[in-house]
Amino acid sequence: MIKRLPIRRTMKSFFKFFWTPYGLLKDKSFRWWIVVGCSLFCSLFLWVFEPYGLYLIDDLYEKIFVVGLYAIGSFMVLSLYYILQSFCLKVYTIGSTVLWIALSFLLIGAVSAFIHESLFNEGHLRWQVFAYFQWIIFTISIIPISISVLVYHNITLRKRLKDSADGKKMNLDGVSMEIDNSKSIVVVNSENRNERFVLPVGDLLYITSSDNYIDVYFGKDGFINHRLIRYSLSGVESDNREIKEIFRCHKSYIVNRKKIESVFGNTAGYRIKLLECDFLVPVSRKLNKEVSEFISL
């Protein structure tokens, strides 16, 4: 007997993954790496493999001119695109990152198709050529983009591990100093004692869980930081049960009550908007009444 796959659960997991905070595009150096790297990689690809009819060009200087035109066009469009990102993109999640990078592929393909038709077809754009360019650009751009994402992921992971180690020293020093009111801090324990740290309640934004890990998001020096720790939300609740600001609004989320700016939705489902953060935190249906009371205050 064939067991049916839990489609609903799979879809919920997918959308949760889709809305997971992901700060890849917040890194300016990564954005410019995409612009410069993609432009150079595509130019090299055009020069070596000579697609789009470039193999018909015998004159060296003419070939340099055409390849340079593709490179400059792509560089200018991508530069403008990623400059506008700071004004257009407000929520940095895995989903928005994937969509934003996919649109950059679309732009490069559109520019390449326009240049090709201007040079070889008197400016008459053909849809089959446009589709062909989209496919080619996607297949050659996915390589540098994938390498960039992997490199960024490894660098970020190492930085988090280093921050955790540094955090131990800072927090131990902080705890050893006089703290008059234990309720003014949130204690975040860990299965690995080296990762344990504390932070002021006023800095905590929210904590989310994934498998056997929690990700703690907090404000520091005007920026949003986060630390990945092997622990559970239930453990955080238990360790900080005297702190009223700790609010378990969902099986996968804890938020700081004092950081709640507004609540969106209705009794069918609410989402919490936090101060200093664009990410909308989901609310469990069983807490709809409590959230409704919060809205009415």
Protein backbone atom coordinates (compact mmCIF):
# COMPACT_ATOMS: atom_id res chain seq x y z
CA MET A 1 0.00 0.00 0.00
CA ILE A 2 1.43 3.37 -1.06
CA LYS A 3 1.52 5.97 1.68
CA ARG A 4 0.43 9.44 0.63
CA LEU A 5 2.93 12.22 1.04
CA PRO A 6 1.94 14.90 3.52
CA ILE A 7 1.45 17.53 0.80
CA ARG A 8 0.00 20.17 3.12
CA ARG A 9 2.88 19.82 5.57
CA THR A 10 5.38 19.90 2.73
CA MET A 11 3.85 23.10 1.34
CA LYS A 12 3.88 24.73 4.78
CA SER A 13 7.53 23.80 5.21
CA PHE A 14 8.29 25.20 1.77
CA PHE A 15 6.62 28.54 2.48
CA LYS A 16 8.30 28.73 5.86
CA PHE A 17 11.63 28.15 4.14
CA PHE A 18 10.68 30.74 1.49
CA TRP A 19 10.07 33.39 4.18
CA THR A 20 13.18 32.58 6.21
CA PRO A 21 15.27 35.74 6.77
CA TYR A 22 18.35 35.74 4.55
CA GLY A 23 20.68 38.74 4.40
CA LEU A 24 22.74 37.82 1.34
CA LEU A 25 21.71 40.88 -0.69
CA LYS A 26 22.26 43.21 2.27
CA ASP A 27 25.98 42.72 1.73
CA LYS A 28 27.09 45.50 -0.65
CA SER A 29 30.29 43.67 -1.54
CA PHE A 30 28.25 40.64 -2.65
CA ARG A 31 25.95 42.81 -4.78
CA TRP A 32 28.88 44.36 -6.60
CA TRP A 33 30.50 40.96 -6.94
CA ILE A 34 27.38 39.86 -8.83
CA VAL A 35 27.56 42.93 -11.09
CA VAL A 36 31.27 42.70 -11.89
CA GLY A 37 31.54 38.90 -11.78
CA CYS A 38 28.57 38.23 -14.05
CA SER A 39 29.67 40.89 -16.55
CA LEU A 40 33.24 39.53 -16.75
CA PHE A 41 32.16 35.89 -16.82
CA CYS A 42 29.62 36.49 -19.60
CA SER A 43 32.19 38.47 -21.61
CA LEU A 44 34.71 35.64 -21.29
CA PHE A 45 32.05 33.14 -22.31
CA LEU A 46 31.15 35.21 -25.39
CA TRP A 47 34.79 35.57 -26.40
CA VAL A 48 35.65 31.88 -26.05
CA PHE A 49 32.49 30.14 -27.31
CA GLU A 50 31.27 32.84 -29.74
CA PRO A 51 27.50 32.28 -29.52
CA TYR A 52 24.82 34.60 -31.01
CA GLY A 53 26.57 34.64 -34.40
CA LEU A 54 29.84 36.04 -33.04
CA TYR A 55 31.71 33.26 -34.84
CA LEU A 56 30.82 35.05 -38.11
CA ILE A 57 32.92 38.08 -37.12
CA ASP A 58 36.41 37.77 -38.58
CA ASP A 59 37.77 41.19 -37.68
CA LEU A 60 39.44 41.21 -34.23
CA TYR A 61 38.57 44.82 -33.42
CA GLU A 62 34.96 44.33 -34.42
CA LYS A 63 34.75 41.29 -32.16
CA ILE A 64 36.27 43.29 -29.26
CA PHE A 65 33.71 46.04 -29.89
CA VAL A 66 30.73 43.65 -29.88
CA VAL A 67 31.84 41.69 -26.80
CA GLY A 68 32.64 44.95 -25.01
CA LEU A 69 29.20 46.26 -25.89
CA TYR A 70 27.58 43.22 -24.28
CA ALA A 71 29.77 43.58 -21.18
CA ILE A 72 29.22 47.32 -20.75
CA GLY A 73 25.47 46.99 -21.34
CA SER A 74 25.15 44.21 -18.76
CA PHE A 75 27.34 46.07 -16.25
CA MET A 76 25.34 49.31 -16.53
CA VAL A 77 21.94 47.63 -16.26
CA LEU A 78 22.95 45.42 -13.32
CA SER A 79 24.59 48.36 -11.54
CA LEU A 80 21.38 50.39 -11.77
CA TYR A 81 19.35 47.35 -10.78
CA TYR A 82 21.29 46.71 -7.58
CA ILE A 83 21.43 50.42 -6.70
CA LEU A 84 17.63 50.49 -6.87
CA GLN A 85 17.53 47.41 -4.63
CA SER A 86 18.04 49.50 -1.48
CA PHE A 87 14.85 51.42 -2.33
CA CYS A 88 12.73 48.56 -3.65
CA LEU A 89 13.63 45.52 -1.58
CA LYS A 90 12.45 45.89 2.02
CA VAL A 91 12.16 42.27 3.19
CA TYR A 92 15.28 40.12 2.89
CA THR A 93 14.26 36.47 2.81
CA ILE A 94 15.37 33.41 0.86
CA GLY A 95 12.39 33.87 -1.46
CA SER A 96 13.01 37.56 -2.19
CA THR A 97 16.72 36.83 -2.76
CA VAL A 98 15.97 34.08 -5.29
CA LEU A 99 13.42 36.25 -7.11
CA TRP A 100 15.73 39.27 -7.17
CA ILE A 101 18.65 37.30 -8.62
CA ALA A 102 16.32 35.60 -11.13
CA LEU A 103 15.18 39.05 -12.30
CA SER A 104 18.83 40.02 -12.78
CA PHE A 105 19.16 37.07 -15.17
CA LEU A 106 16.09 38.34 -17.02
CA LEU A 107 17.59 41.81 -17.35
CA ILE A 108 20.91 40.54 -18.72
CA GLY A 109 19.07 38.39 -21.24
CA ALA A 110 16.88 41.31 -22.32
CA VAL A 111 19.91 43.60 -22.78
CA SER A 112 21.79 40.93 -24.73
CA ALA A 113 18.78 40.27 -26.99
CA PHE A 114 18.35 44.00 -27.64
CA ILE A 115 22.04 44.48 -28.53
CA HIS A 116 22.03 41.39 -30.76
CA GLU A 117 18.94 42.49 -32.70
CA SER A 118 20.32 46.03 -33.02
CA LEU A 119 23.58 44.73 -34.51
CA PHE A 120 22.35 41.85 -36.65
CA ASN A 121 18.62 42.41 -37.33
CA GLU A 122 18.24 46.18 -37.73
CA GLY A 123 16.66 46.54 -34.31
CA HIS A 124 13.65 44.27 -34.94
CA LEU A 125 13.22 42.24 -31.76
CA ARG A 126 12.07 38.63 -32.25
CA TRP A 127 10.49 36.75 -29.38
CA GLN A 128 12.27 33.51 -30.20
CA VAL A 129 15.60 35.35 -30.02
CA PHE A 130 14.56 36.92 -26.71
CA ALA A 131 13.69 33.48 -25.28
CA TYR A 132 16.93 32.01 -26.64
CA PHE A 133 18.99 34.71 -24.93
CA GLN A 134 17.16 34.17 -21.64
CA TRP A 135 18.05 30.48 -21.73
CA ILE A 136 21.70 31.09 -22.62
CA ILE A 137 22.17 33.82 -19.98
CA PHE A 138 20.57 31.64 -17.32
CA THR A 139 22.79 28.65 -18.08
CA ILE A 140 26.03 30.65 -18.07
CA SER A 141 25.16 32.96 -15.13
CA ILE A 142 24.04 30.23 -12.76
CA ILE A 143 27.67 29.10 -12.40
CA PRO A 144 29.18 32.35 -11.00
CA ILE A 145 26.05 33.04 -8.93
CA SER A 146 26.16 29.57 -7.35
CA ILE A 147 29.86 29.93 -6.57
CA SER A 148 29.21 33.37 -5.04
CA VAL A 149 26.40 32.06 -2.84
CA LEU A 150 28.50 29.12 -1.62
CA VAL A 151 31.49 31.35 -0.85
CA TYR A 152 29.26 33.83 0.99
CA HIS A 153 27.62 31.01 2.95
CA ASN A 154 30.99 29.62 4.07
CA ILE A 155 32.29 33.07 5.05
CA THR A 156 29.09 33.83 6.99
CA LEU A 157 29.19 30.46 8.74
CA ARG A 158 32.79 30.99 9.85
CA LYS A 159 31.94 34.48 11.04
CA ARG A 160 29.03 33.15 13.10
CA LEU A 161 31.25 30.55 14.72
CA LYS A 162 33.83 33.23 15.50
CA ASP A 163 31.14 35.54 16.88
CA SER A 164 29.87 32.73 19.08
CA ALA A 165 33.35 32.18 20.48
CA ASP A 166 33.85 35.92 21.03
CA GLY A 167 30.38 36.16 22.48
CA LYS A 168 31.33 33.70 25.16
CA LYS A 169 34.14 35.95 26.35
CA MET A 170 32.08 39.10 26.15
CA ASN A 171 29.11 37.56 27.87
CA LEU A 172 31.14 35.93 30.60
CA ASP A 173 32.72 39.31 31.28
CA GLY A 174 29.31 40.92 31.18
CA VAL A 175 27.76 38.37 33.54
CA SER A 176 30.66 38.59 35.97
CA MET A 177 30.05 42.32 36.21
CA GLU A 178 27.28 43.52 38.49
CA ILE A 179 23.84 42.99 37.00
CA ASP A 180 21.29 44.26 39.48
CA ASN A 181 18.20 42.87 37.85
CA SER A 182 18.35 39.41 36.30
CA LYS A 183 15.06 40.11 34.51
CA SER A 184 16.79 42.75 32.36
CA ILE A 185 18.63 40.12 30.37
CA VAL A 186 17.68 37.14 28.22
CA VAL A 187 19.74 34.01 28.76
CA VAL A 188 20.26 31.89 25.65
CA ASN A 189 21.69 28.54 26.62
CA SER A 190 22.99 25.89 24.27
CA GLU A 191 23.73 22.19 24.09
CA ASN A 192 27.27 23.39 23.43
CA ARG A 193 28.31 25.52 26.41
CA ASN A 194 30.70 27.51 24.26
CA GLU A 195 27.72 29.02 22.41
CA ARG A 196 25.85 30.22 25.51
CA PHE A 197 25.32 33.99 25.69
CA VAL A 198 23.12 36.65 27.24
CA LEU A 199 21.73 39.89 25.86
CA PRO A 200 19.60 42.77 27.14
CA VAL A 201 15.86 42.29 26.71
CA GLY A 202 15.71 45.57 24.82
CA ASP A 203 18.04 44.17 22.12
CA LEU A 204 16.08 40.98 21.42
CA LEU A 205 13.83 41.01 18.33
CA TYR A 206 12.77 37.41 17.79
CA ILE A 207 13.99 33.83 17.86
CA THR A 208 13.10 31.21 15.29
CA SER A 209 13.71 27.47 15.27
CA SER A 210 14.69 25.01 12.57
CA ASP A 211 15.29 21.33 13.28
CA ASN A 212 17.59 21.21 16.33
CA TYR A 213 18.77 24.81 16.07
CA ILE A 214 17.47 28.24 17.01
CA ASP A 215 18.38 31.52 15.31
CA VAL A 216 18.43 34.53 17.65
CA TYR A 217 17.87 37.93 16.01
CA PHE A 218 18.81 41.05 17.96
CA GLY A 219 19.69 44.68 17.39
CA LYS A 220 23.21 45.92 17.97
CA ASP A 221 24.81 49.25 16.99
CA GLY A 222 21.91 50.03 14.67
CA PHE A 223 22.17 46.72 12.79
CA ILE A 224 20.26 43.45 13.00
CA ASN A 225 22.50 40.53 13.98
CA HIS A 226 21.74 36.87 14.49
CA ARG A 227 23.36 33.78 15.98
CA LEU A 228 22.65 30.17 15.17
CA ILE A 229 22.70 27.93 18.26
CA ARG A 230 21.93 24.28 18.89
CA TYR A 231 19.01 24.56 21.31
CA SER A 232 15.19 24.69 21.43
CA LEU A 233 12.55 27.39 21.82
CA SER A 234 11.05 25.47 24.72
CA GLY A 235 14.40 25.67 26.45
CA VAL A 236 14.55 29.44 25.91
CA GLU A 237 11.03 29.77 27.34
CA SER A 238 11.90 27.67 30.36
CA ASP A 239 15.16 29.49 31.04
CA ASN A 240 13.47 32.91 30.82
CA ARG A 241 10.00 32.15 32.22
CA GLU A 242 10.12 35.20 34.54
CA ILE A 243 10.64 37.60 31.64
CA LYS A 244 7.26 38.91 30.51
CA GLU A 245 8.65 40.23 27.24
CA ILE A 246 9.24 36.69 25.96
CA PHE A 247 6.18 35.74 23.87
CA ARG A 248 5.88 32.37 22.10
CA CYS A 249 3.58 33.46 19.27
CA HIS A 250 4.10 30.36 17.12
CA LYS A 251 5.56 26.89 17.49
CA SER A 252 8.60 28.13 15.55
CA TYR A 253 8.86 31.71 16.81
CA ILE A 254 9.42 33.73 19.98
CA VAL A 255 9.12 37.52 19.83
CA ASN A 256 9.88 40.38 22.18
CA ARG A 257 6.52 41.90 23.22
CA LYS A 258 8.07 45.35 23.55
CA LYS A 259 9.30 45.17 19.95
CA ILE A 260 5.82 44.62 18.46
CA GLU A 261 5.03 47.58 16.21
CA SER A 262 1.77 46.36 14.66
CA VAL A 263 -0.26 43.27 13.84
CA PHE A 264 -1.67 42.43 10.40
CA GLY A 265 -4.46 40.04 9.47
CA ASN A 266 -7.65 38.83 11.08
CA THR A 267 -8.91 35.85 13.07
CA ALA A 268 -8.06 33.64 10.11
CA GLY A 269 -4.40 34.40 10.71
CA TYR A 270 -2.22 37.19 12.09
CA ARG A 271 1.33 38.33 11.39
CA ILE A 272 3.40 40.50 13.70
CA LYS A 273 5.45 43.45 12.44
CA LEU A 274 8.40 44.18 14.73
CA LEU A 275 10.27 47.43 15.25
CA GLU A 276 13.62 47.68 13.43
CA CYS A 277 12.68 44.63 11.33
CA ASP A 278 10.74 44.13 8.08
CA PHE A 279 10.17 40.42 8.56
CA LEU A 280 6.55 39.49 9.44
CA VAL A 281 6.35 36.84 12.17
CA PRO A 282 3.43 34.37 11.91
CA VAL A 283 1.03 33.79 14.81
CA SER A 284 -0.49 30.43 15.77
CA ARG A 285 -4.28 30.30 15.42
CA LYS A 286 -4.69 29.22 19.03
CA LEU A 287 -3.25 32.62 20.04
CA ASN A 288 -5.64 34.64 17.86
CA LYS A 289 -7.68 35.70 20.90
CA GLU A 290 -4.62 36.92 22.77
CA VAL A 291 -3.42 38.83 19.72
CA SER A 292 -6.90 40.31 19.22
CA GLU A 293 -6.76 41.61 22.77
CA PHE A 294 -3.34 43.07 22.07
CA ILE A 295 -4.71 44.92 19.01
CA SER A 296 -7.62 46.37 20.98
CA LEU A 297 -5.32 47.91 23.61
